[in-house]
Amino acid sequence: MRKLELLAPAADKDVAMEAILHGADAVYMGASSHGARKSAANSVKDIAEVVCFAHKFRAKVYVTVNTLVYDNEIAKVESLVRELYTAGVDAIIV
């Protein structure tokens, strides 16, 4: 039998941690830029804290980078994705 993943949205660090404490297998959240939800603008530092917390519970953290990217923004988005990779996120949602 396959296992479904319980994936919860998290507007910020506190919501992400609560979702994990209440059984979420994974959370998704927006970074400080290039996420479709402007209200979910989390710093890479906060995301890294969530990753550290989540991994203690064998949960995953996905980050949205899901807006249109213009030519003049490519370097900034590439830098953001590298920072998120270094922070240990499990996936990027595009």
PDB file of N, CA and C in Angstrom:
ATOM      1  N   MET A   1       0.839  -1.170   0.000  1.00  0.00           N
ATOM      2  CA  MET A   1       0.000   0.000   0.000  1.00  0.00           C
ATOM      3  C   MET A   1       0.890   1.241   0.000  1.00  0.00           C
ATOM      4  N   ARG A   2       0.537   2.210  -0.820  1.00  0.00           N
ATOM      5  CA  ARG A   2       1.335   3.433  -0.860  1.00  0.00           C
ATOM      6  C   ARG A   2       0.903   4.386   0.246  1.00  0.00           C
ATOM      7  N   LYS A   3       1.840   5.192   0.681  1.00  0.00           N
ATOM      8  CA  LYS A   3       1.581   6.151   1.754  1.00  0.00           C
ATOM      9  C   LYS A   3       1.372   7.529   1.144  1.00  0.00           C
ATOM     10  N   LEU A   4       0.290   8.170   1.496  1.00  0.00           N
ATOM     11  CA  LEU A   4       0.061   9.545   1.068  1.00  0.00           C
ATOM     12  C   LEU A   4       0.875  10.485   1.941  1.00  0.00           C
ATOM     13  N   GLU A   5       1.321  11.574   1.346  1.00  0.00           N
ATOM     14  CA  GLU A   5       2.056  12.591   2.093  1.00  0.00           C
ATOM     15  C   GLU A   5       1.086  13.678   2.533  1.00  0.00           C
ATOM     16  N   LEU A   6       1.120  14.012   3.798  1.00  0.00           N
ATOM     17  CA  LEU A   6       0.332  15.126   4.312  1.00  0.00           C
ATOM     18  C   LEU A   6       1.188  16.384   4.175  1.00  0.00           C
ATOM     19  N   LEU A   7       0.835  17.228   3.205  1.00  0.00           N
ATOM     20  CA  LEU A   7       1.587  18.439   2.878  1.00  0.00           C
ATOM     21  C   LEU A   7       0.773  19.646   3.329  1.00  0.00           C
ATOM     22  N   ALA A   8       1.355  20.478   4.182  1.00  0.00           N
ATOM     23  CA  ALA A   8       0.645  21.626   4.740  1.00  0.00           C
ATOM     24  C   ALA A   8       1.279  22.938   4.289  1.00  0.00           C
ATOM     25  N   PRO A   9       0.447  23.936   3.959  1.00  0.00           N
ATOM     26  CA  PRO A   9       0.988  25.261   3.667  1.00  0.00           C
ATOM     27  C   PRO A   9       1.422  25.933   4.965  1.00  0.00           C
ATOM     28  N   ALA A  10       2.462  26.743   4.878  1.00  0.00           N
ATOM     29  CA  ALA A  10       2.949  27.441   6.070  1.00  0.00           C
ATOM     30  C   ALA A  10       3.308  28.873   5.695  1.00  0.00           C
ATOM     31  N   ALA A  11       2.587  29.804   6.257  1.00  0.00           N
ATOM     32  CA  ALA A  11       2.841  31.214   5.962  1.00  0.00           C
ATOM     33  C   ALA A  11       4.150  31.700   6.565  1.00  0.00           C
ATOM     34  N   ASP A  12       4.548  31.091   7.681  1.00  0.00           N
ATOM     35  CA  ASP A  12       5.778  31.527   8.329  1.00  0.00           C
ATOM     36  C   ASP A  12       6.387  30.384   9.138  1.00  0.00           C
ATOM     37  N   LYS A  13       7.493  30.683   9.788  1.00  0.00           N
ATOM     38  CA  LYS A  13       8.249  29.687  10.554  1.00  0.00           C
ATOM     39  C   LYS A  13       7.401  29.036  11.642  1.00  0.00           C
ATOM     40  N   ASP A  14       6.655  29.837  12.386  1.00  0.00           N
ATOM     41  CA  ASP A  14       5.855  29.297  13.487  1.00  0.00           C
ATOM     42  C   ASP A  14       4.768  28.343  12.989  1.00  0.00           C
ATOM     43  N   VAL A  15       4.097  28.719  11.918  1.00  0.00           N
ATOM     44  CA  VAL A  15       3.052  27.862  11.347  1.00  0.00           C
ATOM     45  C   VAL A  15       3.662  26.560  10.839  1.00  0.00           C
ATOM     46  N   ALA A  16       4.819  26.648  10.198  1.00  0.00           N
ATOM     47  CA  ALA A  16       5.491  25.448   9.683  1.00  0.00           C
ATOM     48  C   ALA A  16       5.813  24.483  10.812  1.00  0.00           C
ATOM     49  N   MET A  17       6.368  25.006  11.879  1.00  0.00           N
ATOM     50  CA  MET A  17       6.744  24.144  13.002  1.00  0.00           C
ATOM     51  C   MET A  17       5.518  23.521  13.664  1.00  0.00           C
ATOM     52  N   GLU A  18       4.447  24.283  13.799  1.00  0.00           N
ATOM     53  CA  GLU A  18       3.210  23.740  14.379  1.00  0.00           C
ATOM     54  C   GLU A  18       2.627  22.647  13.489  1.00  0.00           C
ATOM     55  N   ALA A  19       2.651  22.857  12.181  1.00  0.00           N
ATOM     56  CA  ALA A  19       2.131  21.842  11.259  1.00  0.00           C
ATOM     57  C   ALA A  19       2.906  20.537  11.409  1.00  0.00           C
ATOM     58  N   ILE A  20       4.211  20.642  11.538  1.00  0.00           N
ATOM     59  CA  ILE A  20       5.053  19.447  11.705  1.00  0.00           C
ATOM     60  C   ILE A  20       4.756  18.776  13.044  1.00  0.00           C
ATOM     61  N   LEU A  21       4.631  19.571  14.095  1.00  0.00           N
ATOM     62  CA  LEU A  21       4.307  19.011  15.413  1.00  0.00           C
ATOM     63  C   LEU A  21       2.954  18.297  15.418  1.00  0.00           C
ATOM     64  N   HIS A  22       2.065  18.738  14.533  1.00  0.00           N
ATOM     65  CA  HIS A  22       0.734  18.133  14.464  1.00  0.00           C
ATOM     66  C   HIS A  22       0.624  17.071  13.372  1.00  0.00           C
ATOM     67  N   GLY A  23       1.761  16.593  12.871  1.00  0.00           N
ATOM     68  CA  GLY A  23       1.741  15.425  11.999  1.00  0.00           C
ATOM     69  C   GLY A  23       1.965  15.624  10.524  1.00  0.00           C
ATOM     70  N   ALA A  24       2.222  16.842  10.076  1.00  0.00           N
ATOM     71  CA  ALA A  24       2.484  17.035   8.646  1.00  0.00           C
ATOM     72  C   ALA A  24       3.764  16.306   8.246  1.00  0.00           C
ATOM     73  N   ASP A  25       3.719  15.623   7.117  1.00  0.00           N
ATOM     74  CA  ASP A  25       4.912  14.970   6.577  1.00  0.00           C
ATOM     75  C   ASP A  25       5.825  15.980   5.898  1.00  0.00           C
ATOM     76  N   ALA A  26       5.223  17.089   5.442  1.00  0.00           N
ATOM     77  CA  ALA A  26       5.977  18.125   4.743  1.00  0.00           C
ATOM     78  C   ALA A  26       5.209  19.435   4.839  1.00  0.00           C
ATOM     79  N   VAL A  27       5.937  20.528   4.699  1.00  0.00           N
ATOM     80  CA  VAL A  27       5.328  21.852   4.623  1.00  0.00           C
ATOM     81  C   VAL A  27       5.886  22.558   3.402  1.00  0.00           C
ATOM     82  N   TYR A  28       5.088  23.494   2.875  1.00  0.00           N
ATOM     83  CA  TYR A  28       5.621  24.349   1.819  1.00  0.00           C
ATOM     84  C   TYR A  28       5.421  25.797   2.220  1.00  0.00           C
ATOM     85  N   MET A  29       6.408  26.599   1.851  1.00  0.00           N
ATOM     86  CA  MET A  29       6.398  27.998   2.244  1.00  0.00           C
ATOM     87  C   MET A  29       7.080  28.850   1.181  1.00  0.00           C
ATOM     88  N   GLY A  30       6.808  30.133   1.200  1.00  0.00           N
ATOM     89  CA  GLY A  30       7.409  31.054   0.254  1.00  0.00           C
ATOM     90  C   GLY A  30       8.672  31.677   0.808  1.00  0.00           C
ATOM     91  N   ALA A  31       9.585  31.974  -0.089  1.00  0.00           N
ATOM     92  CA  ALA A  31      10.821  32.666   0.288  1.00  0.00           C
ATOM     93  C   ALA A  31      10.565  34.175   0.265  1.00  0.00           C
ATOM     94  N   SER A  32      11.614  34.940   0.481  1.00  0.00           N
ATOM     95  CA  SER A  32      11.471  36.397   0.563  1.00  0.00           C
ATOM     96  C   SER A  32      11.146  37.045  -0.778  1.00  0.00           C
ATOM     97  N   SER A  33      11.337  36.311  -1.857  1.00  0.00           N
ATOM     98  CA  SER A  33      10.995  36.844  -3.176  1.00  0.00           C
ATOM     99  C   SER A  33      10.620  35.701  -4.104  1.00  0.00           C
ATOM    100  N   HIS A  34       9.953  36.035  -5.175  1.00  0.00           N
ATOM    101  CA  HIS A  34       9.600  35.112  -6.258  1.00  0.00           C
ATOM    102  C   HIS A  34       8.649  33.998  -5.852  1.00  0.00           C
ATOM    103  N   GLY A  35       7.855  34.247  -4.827  1.00  0.00           N
ATOM    104  CA  GLY A  35       6.765  33.349  -4.474  1.00  0.00           C
ATOM    105  C   GLY A  35       5.458  34.022  -4.851  1.00  0.00           C
ATOM    106  N   ALA A  36       4.472  33.254  -5.265  1.00  0.00           N
ATOM    107  CA  ALA A  36       3.210  33.822  -5.733  1.00  0.00           C
ATOM    108  C   ALA A  36       2.384  34.450  -4.607  1.00  0.00           C
ATOM    109  N   ARG A  37       2.661  34.093  -3.361  1.00  0.00           N
ATOM    110  CA  ARG A  37       1.943  34.668  -2.220  1.00  0.00           C
ATOM    111  C   ARG A  37       2.842  35.676  -1.517  1.00  0.00           C
ATOM    112  N   LYS A  38       2.583  36.952  -1.746  1.00  0.00           N
ATOM    113  CA  LYS A  38       3.437  37.991  -1.158  1.00  0.00           C
ATOM    114  C   LYS A  38       3.414  37.968   0.365  1.00  0.00           C
ATOM    115  N   SER A  39       2.319  37.497   0.949  1.00  0.00           N
ATOM    116  CA  SER A  39       2.231  37.477   2.413  1.00  0.00           C
ATOM    117  C   SER A  39       3.119  36.393   3.023  1.00  0.00           C
ATOM    118  N   ALA A  40       3.599  35.470   2.207  1.00  0.00           N
ATOM    119  CA  ALA A  40       4.455  34.384   2.704  1.00  0.00           C
ATOM    120  C   ALA A  40       5.891  34.655   2.282  1.00  0.00           C
ATOM    121  N   ALA A  41       6.489  35.660   2.879  1.00  0.00           N
ATOM    122  CA  ALA A  41       7.848  36.062   2.511  1.00  0.00           C
ATOM    123  C   ALA A  41       8.791  35.748   3.664  1.00  0.00           C
ATOM    124  N   ASN A  42       9.368  34.566   3.630  1.00  0.00           N
ATOM    125  CA  ASN A  42      10.246  34.103   4.707  1.00  0.00           C
ATOM    126  C   ASN A  42      11.706  34.257   4.319  1.00  0.00           C
ATOM    127  N   SER A  43      12.507  34.673   5.264  1.00  0.00           N
ATOM    128  CA  SER A  43      13.938  34.805   5.003  1.00  0.00           C
ATOM    129  C   SER A  43      14.558  33.418   4.860  1.00  0.00           C
ATOM    130  N   VAL A  44      15.686  33.357   4.187  1.00  0.00           N
ATOM    131  CA  VAL A  44      16.401  32.086   4.051  1.00  0.00           C
ATOM    132  C   VAL A  44      16.819  31.589   5.434  1.00  0.00           C
ATOM    133  N   LYS A  45      17.145  32.504   6.329  1.00  0.00           N
ATOM    134  CA  LYS A  45      17.509  32.118   7.704  1.00  0.00           C
ATOM    135  C   LYS A  45      16.347  31.409   8.394  1.00  0.00           C
ATOM    136  N   ASP A  46      15.140  31.969   8.285  1.00  0.00           N
ATOM    137  CA  ASP A  46      13.966  31.329   8.887  1.00  0.00           C
ATOM    138  C   ASP A  46      13.685  29.977   8.243  1.00  0.00           C
ATOM    139  N   ILE A  47      13.826  29.912   6.932  1.00  0.00           N
ATOM    140  CA  ILE A  47      13.599  28.646   6.226  1.00  0.00           C
ATOM    141  C   ILE A  47      14.607  27.604   6.690  1.00  0.00           C
ATOM    142  N   ALA A  48      15.857  28.009   6.872  1.00  0.00           N
ATOM    143  CA  ALA A  48      16.887  27.077   7.352  1.00  0.00           C
ATOM    144  C   ALA A  48      16.535  26.549   8.743  1.00  0.00           C
ATOM    145  N   GLU A  49      15.979  27.404   9.602  1.00  0.00           N
ATOM    146  CA  GLU A  49      15.550  26.958  10.933  1.00  0.00           C
ATOM    147  C   GLU A  49      14.422  25.938  10.828  1.00  0.00           C
ATOM    148  N   VAL A  50      13.490  26.178   9.911  1.00  0.00           N
ATOM    149  CA  VAL A  50      12.392  25.228   9.706  1.00  0.00           C
ATOM    150  C   VAL A  50      12.936  23.901   9.197  1.00  0.00           C
ATOM    151  N   VAL A  51      13.891  23.953   8.269  1.00  0.00           N
ATOM    152  CA  VAL A  51      14.491  22.725   7.734  1.00  0.00           C
ATOM    153  C   VAL A  51      15.128  21.915   8.858  1.00  0.00           C
ATOM    154  N   CYS A  52      15.903  22.560   9.692  1.00  0.00           N
ATOM    155  CA  CYS A  52      16.567  21.878  10.809  1.00  0.00           C
ATOM    156  C   CYS A  52      15.528  21.229  11.727  1.00  0.00           C
ATOM    157  N   PHE A  53      14.491  21.966  12.056  1.00  0.00           N
ATOM    158  CA  PHE A  53      13.416  21.459  12.906  1.00  0.00           C
ATOM    159  C   PHE A  53      12.698  20.299  12.226  1.00  0.00           C
ATOM    160  N   ALA A  54      12.324  20.489  10.972  1.00  0.00           N
ATOM    161  CA  ALA A  54      11.561  19.470  10.236  1.00  0.00           C
ATOM    162  C   ALA A  54      12.324  18.164  10.125  1.00  0.00           C
ATOM    163  N   HIS A  55      13.594  18.259   9.816  1.00  0.00           N
ATOM    164  CA  HIS A  55      14.381  17.045   9.615  1.00  0.00           C
ATOM    165  C   HIS A  55      14.530  16.232  10.902  1.00  0.00           C
ATOM    166  N   LYS A  56      14.432  16.875  12.045  1.00  0.00           N
ATOM    167  CA  LYS A  56      14.443  16.138  13.318  1.00  0.00           C
ATOM    168  C   LYS A  56      13.219  15.230  13.439  1.00  0.00           C
ATOM    169  N   PHE A  57      12.142  15.617  12.748  1.00  0.00           N
ATOM    170  CA  PHE A  57      10.897  14.848  12.768  1.00  0.00           C
ATOM    171  C   PHE A  57      10.696  14.055  11.470  1.00  0.00           C
ATOM    172  N   ARG A  58      11.742  13.980  10.672  1.00  0.00           N
ATOM    173  CA  ARG A  58      11.699  13.307   9.365  1.00  0.00           C
ATOM    174  C   ARG A  58      10.641  13.907   8.441  1.00  0.00           C
ATOM    175  N   ALA A  59      10.417  15.196   8.586  1.00  0.00           N
ATOM    176  CA  ALA A  59       9.502  15.924   7.711  1.00  0.00           C
ATOM    177  C   ALA A  59      10.323  16.680   6.672  1.00  0.00           C
ATOM    178  N   LYS A  60       9.662  17.087   5.610  1.00  0.00           N
ATOM    179  CA  LYS A  60      10.334  17.780   4.514  1.00  0.00           C
ATOM    180  C   LYS A  60       9.854  19.222   4.417  1.00  0.00           C
ATOM    181  N   VAL A  61      10.692  20.036   3.781  1.00  0.00           N
ATOM    182  CA  VAL A  61      10.357  21.444   3.564  1.00  0.00           C
ATOM    183  C   VAL A  61      10.511  21.750   2.082  1.00  0.00           C
ATOM    184  N   TYR A  62       9.422  22.244   1.490  1.00  0.00           N
ATOM    185  CA  TYR A  62       9.414  22.657   0.093  1.00  0.00           C
ATOM    186  C   TYR A  62       9.252  24.178   0.065  1.00  0.00           C
ATOM    187  N   VAL A  63       9.919  24.828  -0.865  1.00  0.00           N
ATOM    188  CA  VAL A  63       9.840  26.287  -0.958  1.00  0.00           C
ATOM    189  C   VAL A  63       9.369  26.683  -2.351  1.00  0.00           C
ATOM    190  N   THR A  64       8.434  27.622  -2.391  1.00  0.00           N
ATOM    191  CA  THR A  64       7.907  28.087  -3.671  1.00  0.00           C
ATOM    192  C   THR A  64       8.804  29.166  -4.269  1.00  0.00           C
ATOM    193  N   VAL A  65       9.122  28.977  -5.514  1.00  0.00           N
ATOM    194  CA  VAL A  65       9.771  29.997  -6.345  1.00  0.00           C
ATOM    195  C   VAL A  65       8.957  29.951  -7.637  1.00  0.00           C
ATOM    196  N   ASN A  66       7.728  30.460  -7.548  1.00  0.00           N
ATOM    197  CA  ASN A  66       6.745  30.182  -8.583  1.00  0.00           C
ATOM    198  C   ASN A  66       6.109  31.425  -9.206  1.00  0.00           C
ATOM    199  N   THR A  67       6.940  32.394  -9.503  1.00  0.00           N
ATOM    200  CA  THR A  67       6.466  33.539 -10.277  1.00  0.00           C
ATOM    201  C   THR A  67       7.232  33.579 -11.588  1.00  0.00           C
ATOM    202  N   LEU A  68       6.731  34.374 -12.507  1.00  0.00           N
ATOM    203  CA  LEU A  68       7.459  34.558 -13.761  1.00  0.00           C
ATOM    204  C   LEU A  68       8.801  35.214 -13.465  1.00  0.00           C
ATOM    205  N   VAL A  69       9.815  34.749 -14.143  1.00  0.00           N
ATOM    206  CA  VAL A  69      11.154  35.301 -13.955  1.00  0.00           C
ATOM    207  C   VAL A  69      11.572  35.975 -15.256  1.00  0.00           C
ATOM    208  N   TYR A  70      11.879  37.244 -15.170  1.00  0.00           N
ATOM    209  CA  TYR A  70      12.324  37.993 -16.335  1.00  0.00           C
ATOM    210  C   TYR A  70      13.841  37.894 -16.461  1.00  0.00           C
ATOM    211  N   ASP A  71      14.329  38.176 -17.648  1.00  0.00           N
ATOM    212  CA  ASP A  71      15.766  38.053 -17.918  1.00  0.00           C
ATOM    213  C   ASP A  71      16.616  38.796 -16.888  1.00  0.00           C
ATOM    214  N   ASN A  72      16.174  39.986 -16.502  1.00  0.00           N
ATOM    215  CA  ASN A  72      16.971  40.777 -15.559  1.00  0.00           C
ATOM    216  C   ASN A  72      16.895  40.245 -14.123  1.00  0.00           C
ATOM    217  N   GLU A  73      16.082  39.207 -13.879  1.00  0.00           N
ATOM    218  CA  GLU A  73      15.949  38.629 -12.542  1.00  0.00           C
ATOM    219  C   GLU A  73      16.619  37.265 -12.403  1.00  0.00           C
ATOM    220  N   ILE A  74      17.114  36.721 -13.494  1.00  0.00           N
ATOM    221  CA  ILE A  74      17.644  35.355 -13.484  1.00  0.00           C
ATOM    222  C   ILE A  74      18.762  35.181 -12.456  1.00  0.00           C
ATOM    223  N   ALA A  75      19.697  36.100 -12.415  1.00  0.00           N
ATOM    224  CA  ALA A  75      20.820  35.971 -11.472  1.00  0.00           C
ATOM    225  C   ALA A  75      20.323  35.987 -10.024  1.00  0.00           C
ATOM    226  N   LYS A  76      19.347  36.842  -9.727  1.00  0.00           N
ATOM    227  CA  LYS A  76      18.801  36.922  -8.370  1.00  0.00           C
ATOM    228  C   LYS A  76      18.092  35.621  -7.986  1.00  0.00           C
ATOM    229  N   VAL A  77      17.310  35.063  -8.909  1.00  0.00           N
ATOM    230  CA  VAL A  77      16.594  33.816  -8.628  1.00  0.00           C
ATOM    231  C   VAL A  77      17.582  32.661  -8.484  1.00  0.00           C
ATOM    232  N   GLU A  78      18.597  32.638  -9.332  1.00  0.00           N
ATOM    233  CA  GLU A  78      19.619  31.591  -9.224  1.00  0.00           C
ATOM    234  C   GLU A  78      20.307  31.661  -7.853  1.00  0.00           C
ATOM    235  N   SER A  79      20.612  32.850  -7.412  1.00  0.00           N
ATOM    236  CA  SER A  79      21.240  33.030  -6.098  1.00  0.00           C
ATOM    237  C   SER A  79      20.311  32.545  -4.984  1.00  0.00           C
ATOM    238  N   LEU A  80      19.029  32.878  -5.083  1.00  0.00           N
ATOM    239  CA  LEU A  80      18.053  32.439  -4.086  1.00  0.00           C
ATOM    240  C   LEU A  80      17.977  30.916  -4.034  1.00  0.00           C
ATOM    241  N   VAL A  81      17.899  30.275  -5.192  1.00  0.00           N
ATOM    242  CA  VAL A  81      17.807  28.813  -5.234  1.00  0.00           C
ATOM    243  C   VAL A  81      19.059  28.177  -4.638  1.00  0.00           C
ATOM    244  N   ARG A  82      20.223  28.755  -4.910  1.00  0.00           N
ATOM    245  CA  ARG A  82      21.464  28.229  -4.313  1.00  0.00           C
ATOM    246  C   ARG A  82      21.439  28.364  -2.786  1.00  0.00           C
ATOM    247  N   GLU A  83      20.949  29.498  -2.292  1.00  0.00           N
ATOM    248  CA  GLU A  83      20.848  29.695  -0.841  1.00  0.00           C
ATOM    249  C   GLU A  83      19.884  28.685  -0.220  1.00  0.00           C
ATOM    250  N   LEU A  84      18.768  28.438  -0.895  1.00  0.00           N
ATOM    251  CA  LEU A  84      17.791  27.471  -0.394  1.00  0.00           C
ATOM    252  C   LEU A  84      18.369  26.065  -0.400  1.00  0.00           C
ATOM    253  N   TYR A  85      19.120  25.743  -1.432  1.00  0.00           N
ATOM    254  CA  TYR A  85      19.787  24.433  -1.500  1.00  0.00           C
ATOM    255  C   TYR A  85      20.752  24.282  -0.322  1.00  0.00           C
ATOM    256  N   THR A  86      21.541  25.321  -0.081  1.00  0.00           N
ATOM    257  CA  THR A  86      22.491  25.305   1.029  1.00  0.00           C
ATOM    258  C   THR A  86      21.762  25.191   2.371  1.00  0.00           C
ATOM    259  N   ALA A  87      20.580  25.787   2.463  1.00  0.00           N
ATOM    260  CA  ALA A  87      19.784  25.715   3.694  1.00  0.00           C
ATOM    261  C   ALA A  87      19.201  24.324   3.917  1.00  0.00           C
ATOM    262  N   GLY A  88      19.222  23.484   2.887  1.00  0.00           N
ATOM    263  CA  GLY A  88      18.779  22.102   3.044  1.00  0.00           C
ATOM    264  C   GLY A  88      17.349  21.801   2.655  1.00  0.00           C
ATOM    265  N   VAL A  89      16.692  22.729   1.935  1.00  0.00           N
ATOM    266  CA  VAL A  89      15.308  22.443   1.551  1.00  0.00           C
ATOM    267  C   VAL A  89      15.247  21.167   0.719  1.00  0.00           C
ATOM    268  N   ASP A  90      14.115  20.500   0.787  1.00  0.00           N
ATOM    269  CA  ASP A  90      13.960  19.212   0.119  1.00  0.00           C
ATOM    270  C   ASP A  90      13.490  19.336  -1.319  1.00  0.00           C
ATOM    271  N   ALA A  91      12.844  20.450  -1.652  1.00  0.00           N
ATOM    272  CA  ALA A  91      12.391  20.655  -3.028  1.00  0.00           C
ATOM    273  C   ALA A  91      12.057  22.125  -3.232  1.00  0.00           C
ATOM    274  N   ILE A  92      12.103  22.512  -4.493  1.00  0.00           N
ATOM    275  CA  ILE A  92      11.674  23.843  -4.912  1.00  0.00           C
ATOM    276  C   ILE A  92      10.418  23.650  -5.753  1.00  0.00           C
ATOM    277  N   ILE A  93       9.373  24.386  -5.443  1.00  0.00           N
ATOM    278  CA  ILE A  93       8.144  24.352  -6.231  1.00  0.00           C
ATOM    279  C   ILE A  93       8.207  25.500  -7.223  1.00  0.00           C
ATOM    280  N   VAL A  94       8.134  25.184  -8.502  1.00  0.00           N
ATOM    281  CA  VAL A  94       8.193  26.226  -9.536  1.00  0.00           C
ATOM    282  C   VAL A  94       6.854  26.383 -10.221  1.00  0.00           C
TER     283      VAL A  94
END
